[in-house]
Amino acid sequence: EAAARNVFIMNNTPHLESVTTSARGALQYQDNQRVLVLEH
């Protein structure tokens, strides 16, 4: 449920625009933080 395939993410900041694509994404918890792990 916490994983996805063919991920497309567009992120806008005041000075940067980024487009990230990945074949797979998953959610992990590390040191009381939520970390998004993208692969390939």
PDB file of all heavy atoms in Angstrom:
ATOM      1  N   GLU A   1       0.822  -1.217   0.000  1.00  0.00           N
ATOM      2  CA  GLU A   1       0.000   0.000   0.000  1.00  0.00           C
ATOM      3  C   GLU A   1       0.850   1.258   0.000  1.00  0.00           C
ATOM      4  O   GLU A   1       0.457   2.276  -0.564  1.00  0.00           O
ATOM      5  CB  GLU A   1      -0.933  -0.016   1.215  1.00  0.00           C
ATOM      6  CG  GLU A   1      -1.918   1.133   1.235  1.00  0.00           C
ATOM      7  CD  GLU A   1      -2.790   1.112   2.477  1.00  0.00           C
ATOM      8  OE1 GLU A   1      -2.430   0.396   3.423  1.00  0.00           O
ATOM      9  OE2 GLU A   1      -3.819   1.815   2.487  1.00  0.00           O
ATOM     10  N   ALA A   2       2.005   1.210   0.669  1.00  0.00           N
ATOM     11  CA  ALA A   2       2.860   2.386   0.767  1.00  0.00           C
ATOM     12  C   ALA A   2       3.852   2.496  -0.370  1.00  0.00           C
ATOM     13  O   ALA A   2       4.731   3.355  -0.337  1.00  0.00           O
ATOM     14  CB  ALA A   2       3.603   2.378   2.098  1.00  0.00           C
ATOM     15  N   ALA A   3       3.751   1.660  -1.385  1.00  0.00           N
ATOM     16  CA  ALA A   3       4.676   1.685  -2.523  1.00  0.00           C
ATOM     17  C   ALA A   3       3.912   2.066  -3.784  1.00  0.00           C
ATOM     18  O   ALA A   3       2.684   1.989  -3.847  1.00  0.00           O
ATOM     19  CB  ALA A   3       5.353   0.333  -2.694  1.00  0.00           C
ATOM     20  N   ALA A   4       4.671   2.487  -4.806  1.00  0.00           N
ATOM     21  CA  ALA A   4       4.077   2.920  -6.065  1.00  0.00           C
ATOM     22  C   ALA A   4       5.025   2.578  -7.210  1.00  0.00           C
ATOM     23  O   ALA A   4       6.236   2.398  -7.022  1.00  0.00           O
ATOM     24  CB  ALA A   4       3.777   4.417  -6.042  1.00  0.00           C
ATOM     25  N   ARG A   5       4.456   2.510  -8.409  1.00  0.00           N
ATOM     26  CA  ARG A   5       5.234   2.261  -9.618  1.00  0.00           C
ATOM     27  C   ARG A   5       5.041   3.430 -10.571  1.00  0.00           C
ATOM     28  O   ARG A   5       4.030   4.108 -10.544  1.00  0.00           O
ATOM     29  CB  ARG A   5       4.786   0.959 -10.290  1.00  0.00           C
ATOM     30  CG  ARG A   5       4.989  -0.289  -9.445  1.00  0.00           C
ATOM     31  CD  ARG A   5       4.521  -1.528 -10.171  1.00  0.00           C
ATOM     32  NE  ARG A   5       3.097  -1.443 -10.505  1.00  0.00           N
ATOM     33  CZ  ARG A   5       2.427  -2.397 -11.160  1.00  0.00           C
ATOM     34  NH1 ARG A   5       3.060  -3.494 -11.542  1.00  0.00           N
ATOM     35  NH2 ARG A   5       1.158  -2.247 -11.425  1.00  0.00           N
ATOM     36  N   ASN A   6       6.090   3.633 -11.420  1.00  0.00           N
ATOM     37  CA  ASN A   6       6.044   4.695 -12.429  1.00  0.00           C
ATOM     38  C   ASN A   6       5.667   6.035 -11.783  1.00  0.00           C
ATOM     39  O   ASN A   6       4.634   6.640 -12.075  1.00  0.00           O
ATOM     40  CB  ASN A   6       5.062   4.350 -13.547  1.00  0.00           C
ATOM     41  CG  ASN A   6       5.425   3.064 -14.255  1.00  0.00           C
ATOM     42  OD1 ASN A   6       6.626   2.737 -14.393  1.00  0.00           O
ATOM     43  ND2 ASN A   6       4.441   2.322 -14.719  1.00  0.00           N
ATOM     44  N   VAL A   7       6.533   6.490 -10.902  1.00  0.00           N
ATOM     45  CA  VAL A   7       6.282   7.700 -10.131  1.00  0.00           C
ATOM     46  C   VAL A   7       6.735   8.920 -10.915  1.00  0.00           C
ATOM     47  O   VAL A   7       7.838   8.935 -11.488  1.00  0.00           O
ATOM     48  CB  VAL A   7       7.010   7.626  -8.779  1.00  0.00           C
ATOM     49  CG1 VAL A   7       6.724   8.879  -7.957  1.00  0.00           C
ATOM     50  CG2 VAL A   7       6.608   6.375  -8.009  1.00  0.00           C
ATOM     51  N   PHE A   8       5.876   9.951 -10.920  1.00  0.00           N
ATOM     52  CA  PHE A   8       6.209  11.248 -11.518  1.00  0.00           C
ATOM     53  C   PHE A   8       5.947  12.317 -10.464  1.00  0.00           C
ATOM     54  O   PHE A   8       4.834  12.428  -9.948  1.00  0.00           O
ATOM     55  CB  PHE A   8       5.368  11.506 -12.764  1.00  0.00           C
ATOM     56  CG  PHE A   8       5.497  12.909 -13.296  1.00  0.00           C
ATOM     57  CD1 PHE A   8       6.522  13.252 -14.159  1.00  0.00           C
ATOM     58  CD2 PHE A   8       4.597  13.902 -12.916  1.00  0.00           C
ATOM     59  CE1 PHE A   8       6.632  14.548 -14.649  1.00  0.00           C
ATOM     60  CE2 PHE A   8       4.708  15.185 -13.388  1.00  0.00           C
ATOM     61  CZ  PHE A   8       5.727  15.511 -14.260  1.00  0.00           C
ATOM     62  N   ILE A   9       6.972  13.091 -10.125  1.00  0.00           N
ATOM     63  CA  ILE A   9       6.860  14.132  -9.103  1.00  0.00           C
ATOM     64  C   ILE A   9       7.438  15.420  -9.661  1.00  0.00           C
ATOM     65  O   ILE A   9       8.590  15.444 -10.119  1.00  0.00           O
ATOM     66  CB  ILE A   9       7.611  13.753  -7.807  1.00  0.00           C
ATOM     67  CG1 ILE A   9       7.110  12.414  -7.270  1.00  0.00           C
ATOM     68  CG2 ILE A   9       7.440  14.839  -6.758  1.00  0.00           C
ATOM     69  CD1 ILE A   9       7.881  11.931  -6.075  1.00  0.00           C
ATOM     70  N   MET A  10       6.663  16.473  -9.617  1.00  0.00           N
ATOM     71  CA  MET A  10       7.156  17.804  -9.976  1.00  0.00           C
ATOM     72  C   MET A  10       7.115  18.673  -8.733  1.00  0.00           C
ATOM     73  O   MET A  10       6.059  18.842  -8.113  1.00  0.00           O
ATOM     74  CB  MET A  10       6.312  18.434 -11.079  1.00  0.00           C
ATOM     75  CG  MET A  10       6.933  19.726 -11.634  1.00  0.00           C
ATOM     76  SD  MET A  10       6.003  20.468 -12.984  1.00  0.00           S
ATOM     77  CE  MET A  10       4.789  21.357 -12.042  1.00  0.00           C
ATOM     78  N   ASN A  11       8.289  19.223  -8.373  1.00  0.00           N
ATOM     79  CA  ASN A  11       8.431  19.989  -7.149  1.00  0.00           C
ATOM     80  C   ASN A  11       8.798  21.426  -7.495  1.00  0.00           C
ATOM     81  O   ASN A  11       9.732  21.670  -8.278  1.00  0.00           O
ATOM     82  CB  ASN A  11       9.505  19.363  -6.265  1.00  0.00           C
ATOM     83  CG  ASN A  11       9.513  19.961  -4.872  1.00  0.00           C
ATOM     84  OD1 ASN A  11       8.632  20.737  -4.531  1.00  0.00           O
ATOM     85  ND2 ASN A  11      10.503  19.600  -4.083  1.00  0.00           N
ATOM     86  N   ASN A  12       8.055  22.375  -6.919  1.00  0.00           N
ATOM     87  CA  ASN A  12       8.300  23.798  -7.166  1.00  0.00           C
ATOM     88  C   ASN A  12       8.750  24.471  -5.877  1.00  0.00           C
ATOM     89  O   ASN A  12       8.108  24.341  -4.842  1.00  0.00           O
ATOM     90  CB  ASN A  12       7.030  24.498  -7.681  1.00  0.00           C
ATOM     91  CG  ASN A  12       6.687  24.083  -9.097  1.00  0.00           C
ATOM     92  OD1 ASN A  12       7.578  23.904  -9.922  1.00  0.00           O
ATOM     93  ND2 ASN A  12       5.400  23.918  -9.378  1.00  0.00           N
ATOM     94  N   THR A  13       9.860  25.192  -5.963  1.00  0.00           N
ATOM     95  CA  THR A  13      10.362  26.034  -4.889  1.00  0.00           C
ATOM     96  C   THR A  13      10.539  27.444  -5.442  1.00  0.00           C
ATOM     97  O   THR A  13      10.455  27.652  -6.665  1.00  0.00           O
ATOM     98  CB  THR A  13      11.689  25.486  -4.346  1.00  0.00           C
ATOM     99  OG1 THR A  13      12.666  25.480  -5.403  1.00  0.00           O
ATOM    100  CG2 THR A  13      11.521  24.062  -3.813  1.00  0.00           C
ATOM    101  N   PRO A  14      10.782  28.428  -4.585  1.00  0.00           N
ATOM    102  CA  PRO A  14      10.924  29.796  -5.116  1.00  0.00           C
ATOM    103  C   PRO A  14      12.021  29.959  -6.159  1.00  0.00           C
ATOM    104  O   PRO A  14      11.915  30.844  -7.024  1.00  0.00           O
ATOM    105  CB  PRO A  14      11.223  30.621  -3.859  1.00  0.00           C
ATOM    106  CG  PRO A  14      10.581  29.856  -2.748  1.00  0.00           C
ATOM    107  CD  PRO A  14      10.738  28.417  -3.114  1.00  0.00           C
ATOM    108  N   HIS A  15      13.076  29.139  -6.111  1.00  0.00           N
ATOM    109  CA  HIS A  15      14.190  29.312  -7.037  1.00  0.00           C
ATOM    110  C   HIS A  15      14.500  28.078  -7.860  1.00  0.00           C
ATOM    111  O   HIS A  15      15.399  28.115  -8.697  1.00  0.00           O
ATOM    112  CB  HIS A  15      15.469  29.699  -6.280  1.00  0.00           C
ATOM    113  CG  HIS A  15      15.304  30.908  -5.413  1.00  0.00           C
ATOM    114  ND1 HIS A  15      15.089  32.181  -5.926  1.00  0.00           N
ATOM    115  CD2 HIS A  15      15.289  31.038  -4.060  1.00  0.00           C
ATOM    116  CE1 HIS A  15      14.974  33.052  -4.926  1.00  0.00           C
ATOM    117  NE2 HIS A  15      15.085  32.371  -3.775  1.00  0.00           N
ATOM    118  N   LEU A  16      13.751  26.974  -7.664  1.00  0.00           N
ATOM    119  CA  LEU A  16      14.092  25.745  -8.366  1.00  0.00           C
ATOM    120  C   LEU A  16      12.821  24.991  -8.725  1.00  0.00           C
ATOM    121  O   LEU A  16      11.886  24.913  -7.928  1.00  0.00           O
ATOM    122  CB  LEU A  16      14.987  24.860  -7.495  1.00  0.00           C
ATOM    123  CG  LEU A  16      15.517  23.566  -8.137  1.00  0.00           C
ATOM    124  CD1 LEU A  16      16.476  23.903  -9.279  1.00  0.00           C
ATOM    125  CD2 LEU A  16      16.213  22.700  -7.095  1.00  0.00           C
ATOM    126  N   GLU A  17      12.826  24.454  -9.931  1.00  0.00           N
ATOM    127  CA  GLU A  17      11.754  23.585 -10.398  1.00  0.00           C
ATOM    128  C   GLU A  17      12.378  22.272 -10.819  1.00  0.00           C
ATOM    129  O   GLU A  17      13.280  22.243 -11.660  1.00  0.00           O
ATOM    130  CB  GLU A  17      11.007  24.226 -11.564  1.00  0.00           C
ATOM    131  CG  GLU A  17       9.877  23.370 -12.124  1.00  0.00           C
ATOM    132  CD  GLU A  17       9.186  24.031 -13.308  1.00  0.00           C
ATOM    133  OE1 GLU A  17       8.336  24.924 -13.096  1.00  0.00           O
ATOM    134  OE2 GLU A  17       9.527  23.662 -14.455  1.00  0.00           O
ATOM    135  N   SER A  18      11.897  21.178 -10.233  1.00  0.00           N
ATOM    136  CA  SER A  18      12.488  19.872 -10.510  1.00  0.00           C
ATOM    137  C   SER A  18      11.402  18.884 -10.871  1.00  0.00           C
ATOM    138  O   SER A  18      10.292  18.928 -10.317  1.00  0.00           O
ATOM    139  CB  SER A  18      13.269  19.359  -9.299  1.00  0.00           C
ATOM    140  OG  SER A  18      12.420  19.190  -8.190  1.00  0.00           O
ATOM    141  N   VAL A  19      11.751  17.987 -11.789  1.00  0.00           N
ATOM    142  CA  VAL A  19      10.864  16.915 -12.221  1.00  0.00           C
ATOM    143  C   VAL A  19      11.604  15.606 -12.003  1.00  0.00           C
ATOM    144  O   VAL A  19      12.690  15.399 -12.553  1.00  0.00           O
ATOM    145  CB  VAL A  19      10.447  17.064 -13.693  1.00  0.00           C
ATOM    146  CG1 VAL A  19       9.582  15.885 -14.128  1.00  0.00           C
ATOM    147  CG2 VAL A  19       9.704  18.368 -13.907  1.00  0.00           C
ATOM    148  N   THR A  20      10.996  14.727 -11.191  1.00  0.00           N
ATOM    149  CA  THR A  20      11.621  13.455 -10.851  1.00  0.00           C
ATOM    150  C   THR A  20      10.735  12.329 -11.334  1.00  0.00           C
ATOM    151  O   THR A  20       9.518  12.331 -11.076  1.00  0.00           O
ATOM    152  CB  THR A  20      11.821  13.333  -9.326  1.00  0.00           C
ATOM    153  OG1 THR A  20      12.577  14.449  -8.856  1.00  0.00           O
ATOM    154  CG2 THR A  20      12.551  12.051  -8.980  1.00  0.00           C
ATOM    155  N   THR A  21      11.334  11.380 -12.032  1.00  0.00           N
ATOM    156  CA  THR A  21      10.627  10.191 -12.486  1.00  0.00           C
ATOM    157  C   THR A  21      11.362   8.975 -11.967  1.00  0.00           C
ATOM    158  O   THR A  21      12.602   8.973 -11.865  1.00  0.00           O
ATOM    159  CB  THR A  21      10.542  10.142 -14.015  1.00  0.00           C
ATOM    160  OG1 THR A  21      11.873  10.195 -14.560  1.00  0.00           O
ATOM    161  CG2 THR A  21       9.742  11.319 -14.562  1.00  0.00           C
ATOM    162  N   SER A  22      10.595   7.943 -11.638  1.00  0.00           N
ATOM    163  CA  SER A  22      11.192   6.743 -11.065  1.00  0.00           C
ATOM    164  C   SER A  22      10.326   5.547 -11.417  1.00  0.00           C
ATOM    165  O   SER A  22       9.108   5.681 -11.602  1.00  0.00           O
ATOM    166  CB  SER A  22      11.331   6.879  -9.549  1.00  0.00           C
ATOM    167  OG  SER A  22      11.779   5.682  -8.966  1.00  0.00           O
ATOM    168  N   ALA A  23      10.984   4.393 -11.512  1.00  0.00           N
ATOM    169  CA  ALA A  23      10.248   3.169 -11.800  1.00  0.00           C
ATOM    170  C   ALA A  23       9.509   2.646 -10.589  1.00  0.00           C
ATOM    171  O   ALA A  23       8.495   1.963 -10.719  1.00  0.00           O
ATOM    172  CB  ALA A  23      11.201   2.091 -12.335  1.00  0.00           C
ATOM    173  N   ARG A  24      10.006   2.973  -9.393  1.00  0.00           N
ATOM    174  CA  ARG A  24       9.384   2.456  -8.170  1.00  0.00           C
ATOM    175  C   ARG A  24       9.685   3.400  -7.027  1.00  0.00           C
ATOM    176  O   ARG A  24      10.766   3.994  -6.954  1.00  0.00           O
ATOM    177  CB  ARG A  24       9.911   1.047  -7.863  1.00  0.00           C
ATOM    178  CG  ARG A  24       9.357   0.441  -6.582  1.00  0.00           C
ATOM    179  CD  ARG A  24       9.879  -0.968  -6.356  1.00  0.00           C
ATOM    180  NE  ARG A  24       9.500  -1.463  -5.042  1.00  0.00           N
ATOM    181  CZ  ARG A  24       8.324  -1.989  -4.744  1.00  0.00           C
ATOM    182  NH1 ARG A  24       7.398  -2.081  -5.691  1.00  0.00           N
ATOM    183  NH2 ARG A  24       8.044  -2.422  -3.525  1.00  0.00           N
ATOM    184  N   GLY A  25       8.694   3.534  -6.110  1.00  0.00           N
ATOM    185  CA  GLY A  25       8.887   4.337  -4.917  1.00  0.00           C
ATOM    186  C   GLY A  25       8.294   3.638  -3.713  1.00  0.00           C
ATOM    187  O   GLY A  25       7.287   2.927  -3.821  1.00  0.00           O
ATOM    188  N   ALA A  26       8.931   3.838  -2.567  1.00  0.00           N
ATOM    189  CA  ALA A  26       8.473   3.200  -1.330  1.00  0.00           C
ATOM    190  C   ALA A  26       8.682   4.158  -0.171  1.00  0.00           C
ATOM    191  O   ALA A  26       9.506   5.085  -0.249  1.00  0.00           O
ATOM    192  CB  ALA A  26       9.198   1.883  -1.083  1.00  0.00           C
ATOM    193  N   LEU A  27       7.963   3.929   0.910  1.00  0.00           N
ATOM    194  CA  LEU A  27       8.029   4.768   2.094  1.00  0.00           C
ATOM    195  C   LEU A  27       8.685   3.995   3.225  1.00  0.00           C
ATOM    196  O   LEU A  27       8.348   2.839   3.471  1.00  0.00           O
ATOM    197  CB  LEU A  27       6.625   5.201   2.520  1.00  0.00           C
ATOM    198  CG  LEU A  27       6.519   6.127   3.721  1.00  0.00           C
ATOM    199  CD1 LEU A  27       7.116   7.483   3.400  1.00  0.00           C
ATOM    200  CD2 LEU A  27       5.076   6.259   4.169  1.00  0.00           C
ATOM    201  N   GLN A  28       9.608   4.635   3.915  1.00  0.00           N
ATOM    202  CA  GLN A  28      10.302   4.028   5.039  1.00  0.00           C
ATOM    203  C   GLN A  28      10.373   5.013   6.191  1.00  0.00           C
ATOM    204  O   GLN A  28      10.332   6.239   5.986  1.00  0.00           O
ATOM    205  CB  GLN A  28      11.724   3.593   4.644  1.00  0.00           C
ATOM    206  CG  GLN A  28      11.783   2.529   3.571  1.00  0.00           C
ATOM    207  CD  GLN A  28      13.200   2.149   3.214  1.00  0.00           C
ATOM    208  OE1 GLN A  28      14.172   2.667   3.792  1.00  0.00           O
ATOM    209  NE2 GLN A  28      13.339   1.228   2.256  1.00  0.00           N
ATOM    210  N   TYR A  29      10.480   4.475   7.424  1.00  0.00           N
ATOM    211  CA  TYR A  29      10.629   5.283   8.633  1.00  0.00           C
ATOM    212  C   TYR A  29      12.010   5.027   9.215  1.00  0.00           C
ATOM    213  O   TYR A  29      12.374   3.885   9.502  1.00  0.00           O
ATOM    214  CB  TYR A  29       9.555   4.931   9.665  1.00  0.00           C
ATOM    215  CG  TYR A  29       8.161   5.324   9.249  1.00  0.00           C
ATOM    216  CD1 TYR A  29       7.334   4.429   8.588  1.00  0.00           C
ATOM    217  CD2 TYR A  29       7.682   6.602   9.525  1.00  0.00           C
ATOM    218  CE1 TYR A  29       6.055   4.788   8.207  1.00  0.00           C
ATOM    219  CE2 TYR A  29       6.404   6.973   9.140  1.00  0.00           C
ATOM    220  CZ  TYR A  29       5.603   6.065   8.492  1.00  0.00           C
ATOM    221  OH  TYR A  29       4.340   6.433   8.107  1.00  0.00           O
ATOM    222  N   GLN A  30      12.782   6.100   9.373  1.00  0.00           N
ATOM    223  CA  GLN A  30      14.128   6.002   9.914  1.00  0.00           C
ATOM    224  C   GLN A  30      14.365   7.156  10.876  1.00  0.00           C
ATOM    225  O   GLN A  30      14.187   8.320  10.505  1.00  0.00           O
ATOM    226  CB  GLN A  30      15.186   6.046   8.793  1.00  0.00           C
ATOM    227  CG  GLN A  30      15.124   4.860   7.839  1.00  0.00           C
ATOM    228  CD  GLN A  30      16.180   4.969   6.746  1.00  0.00           C
ATOM    229  OE1 GLN A  30      16.908   5.953   6.665  1.00  0.00           O
ATOM    230  NE2 GLN A  30      16.242   3.945   5.905  1.00  0.00           N
ATOM    231  N   ASP A  31      14.773   6.822  12.111  1.00  0.00           N
ATOM    232  CA  ASP A  31      15.102   7.837  13.126  1.00  0.00           C
ATOM    233  C   ASP A  31      13.974   8.847  13.298  1.00  0.00           C
ATOM    234  O   ASP A  31      14.176  10.066  13.306  1.00  0.00           O
ATOM    235  CB  ASP A  31      16.405   8.564  12.759  1.00  0.00           C
ATOM    236  CG  ASP A  31      17.577   7.613  12.676  1.00  0.00           C
ATOM    237  OD1 ASP A  31      17.560   6.593  13.394  1.00  0.00           O
ATOM    238  OD2 ASP A  31      18.497   7.884  11.875  1.00  0.00           O
ATOM    239  N   ASN A  32      12.768   8.312  13.435  1.00  0.00           N
ATOM    240  CA  ASN A  32      11.588   9.157  13.634  1.00  0.00           C
ATOM    241  C   ASN A  32      11.368  10.130  12.480  1.00  0.00           C
ATOM    242  O   ASN A  32      10.844  11.231  12.634  1.00  0.00           O
ATOM    243  CB  ASN A  32      11.682   9.934  14.947  1.00  0.00           C
ATOM    244  CG  ASN A  32      10.316  10.391  15.441  1.00  0.00           C
ATOM    245  OD1 ASN A  32       9.305   9.780  15.104  1.00  0.00           O
ATOM    246  ND2 ASN A  32      10.285  11.440  16.236  1.00  0.00           N
ATOM    247  N   GLN A  33      11.776   9.722  11.300  1.00  0.00           N
ATOM    248  CA  GLN A  33      11.585  10.508  10.089  1.00  0.00           C
ATOM    249  C   GLN A  33      10.961   9.639   9.018  1.00  0.00           C
ATOM    250  O   GLN A  33      11.183   8.426   8.960  1.00  0.00           O
ATOM    251  CB  GLN A  33      12.917  11.075   9.577  1.00  0.00           C
ATOM    252  CG  GLN A  33      13.529  12.141  10.469  1.00  0.00           C
ATOM    253  CD  GLN A  33      14.840  12.647   9.914  1.00  0.00           C
ATOM    254  OE1 GLN A  33      15.480  11.982   9.098  1.00  0.00           O
ATOM    255  NE2 GLN A  33      15.250  13.825  10.341  1.00  0.00           N
ATOM    256  N   ARG A  34      10.182  10.283   8.171  1.00  0.00           N
ATOM    257  CA  ARG A  34       9.567   9.572   7.051  1.00  0.00           C
ATOM    258  C   ARG A  34      10.383   9.860   5.802  1.00  0.00           C
ATOM    259  O   ARG A  34      10.524  11.016   5.388  1.00  0.00           O
ATOM    260  CB  ARG A  34       8.124  10.031   6.886  1.00  0.00           C
ATOM    261  CG  ARG A  34       7.339   9.235   5.883  1.00  0.00           C
ATOM    262  CD  ARG A  34       5.857   9.466   6.036  1.00  0.00           C
ATOM    263  NE  ARG A  34       5.530  10.881   5.989  1.00  0.00           N
ATOM    264  CZ  ARG A  34       4.336  11.364   6.280  1.00  0.00           C
ATOM    265  NH1 ARG A  34       3.383  10.543   6.651  1.00  0.00           N
ATOM    266  NH2 ARG A  34       4.090  12.652   6.209  1.00  0.00           N
ATOM    267  N   VAL A  35      10.903   8.803   5.198  1.00  0.00           N
ATOM    268  CA  VAL A  35      11.832   8.917   4.072  1.00  0.00           C
ATOM    269  C   VAL A  35      11.202   8.251   2.859  1.00  0.00           C
ATOM    270  O   VAL A  35      10.713   7.113   2.933  1.00  0.00           O
ATOM    271  CB  VAL A  35      13.194   8.269   4.394  1.00  0.00           C
ATOM    272  CG1 VAL A  35      14.136   8.398   3.196  1.00  0.00           C
ATOM    273  CG2 VAL A  35      13.808   8.913   5.627  1.00  0.00           C
ATOM    274  N   LEU A  36      11.213   8.950   1.732  1.00  0.00           N
ATOM    275  CA  LEU A  36      10.732   8.414   0.466  1.00  0.00           C
ATOM    276  C   LEU A  36      11.929   7.915  -0.334  1.00  0.00           C
ATOM    277  O   LEU A  36      12.868   8.659  -0.590  1.00  0.00           O
ATOM    278  CB  LEU A  36       9.986   9.489  -0.317  1.00  0.00           C
ATOM    279  CG  LEU A  36       9.461   9.088  -1.697  1.00  0.00           C
ATOM    280  CD1 LEU A  36       8.429   7.973  -1.575  1.00  0.00           C
ATOM    281  CD2 LEU A  36       8.864  10.299  -2.414  1.00  0.00           C
ATOM    282  N   VAL A  37      11.897   6.645  -0.705  1.00  0.00           N
ATOM    283  CA  VAL A  37      12.983   5.993  -1.426  1.00  0.00           C
ATOM    284  C   VAL A  37      12.515   5.705  -2.848  1.00  0.00           C
ATOM    285  O   VAL A  37      11.549   4.966  -3.059  1.00  0.00           O
ATOM    286  CB  VAL A  37      13.421   4.700  -0.723  1.00  0.00           C
ATOM    287  CG1 VAL A  37      14.562   4.045  -1.492  1.00  0.00           C
ATOM    288  CG2 VAL A  37      13.837   4.981   0.720  1.00  0.00           C
ATOM    289  N   LEU A  38      13.196   6.310  -3.836  1.00  0.00           N
ATOM    290  CA  LEU A  38      12.903   6.093  -5.253  1.00  0.00           C
ATOM    291  C   LEU A  38      14.028   5.275  -5.873  1.00  0.00           C
ATOM    292  O   LEU A  38      15.210   5.463  -5.547  1.00  0.00           O
ATOM    293  CB  LEU A  38      12.746   7.420  -5.987  1.00  0.00           C
ATOM    294  CG  LEU A  38      11.652   8.358  -5.484  1.00  0.00           C
ATOM    295  CD1 LEU A  38      11.656   9.660  -6.285  1.00  0.00           C
ATOM    296  CD2 LEU A  38      10.289   7.698  -5.563  1.00  0.00           C
ATOM    297  N   GLU A  39      13.670   4.401  -6.791  1.00  0.00           N
ATOM    298  CA  GLU A  39      14.652   3.522  -7.423  1.00  0.00           C
ATOM    299  C   GLU A  39      14.548   3.633  -8.937  1.00  0.00           C
ATOM    300  O   GLU A  39      13.448   3.726  -9.484  1.00  0.00           O
ATOM    301  CB  GLU A  39      14.427   2.068  -6.985  1.00  0.00           C
ATOM    302  CG  GLU A  39      14.572   1.834  -5.489  1.00  0.00           C
ATOM    303  CD  GLU A  39      14.273   0.412  -5.103  1.00  0.00           C
ATOM    304  OE1 GLU A  39      13.844  -0.352  -6.008  1.00  0.00           O
ATOM    305  OE2 GLU A  39      14.439   0.043  -3.920  1.00  0.00           O
ATOM    306  N   HIS A  40      15.746   3.647  -9.591  1.00  0.00           N
ATOM    307  CA  HIS A  40      15.856   3.609 -11.055  1.00  0.00           C
ATOM    308  C   HIS A  40      15.067   4.753 -11.695  1.00  0.00           C
ATOM    309  O   HIS A  40      14.004   4.577 -12.289  1.00  0.00           O
ATOM    310  CB  HIS A  40      15.362   2.270 -11.611  1.00  0.00           C
ATOM    311  CG  HIS A  40      16.027   1.080 -11.003  1.00  0.00           C
ATOM    312  ND1 HIS A  40      17.350   0.776 -11.249  1.00  0.00           N
ATOM    313  CD2 HIS A  40      15.561   0.135 -10.146  1.00  0.00           C
ATOM    314  CE1 HIS A  40      17.677  -0.327 -10.577  1.00  0.00           C
ATOM    315  NE2 HIS A  40      16.611  -0.728  -9.892  1.00  0.00           N
TER     316      HIS A  40
END
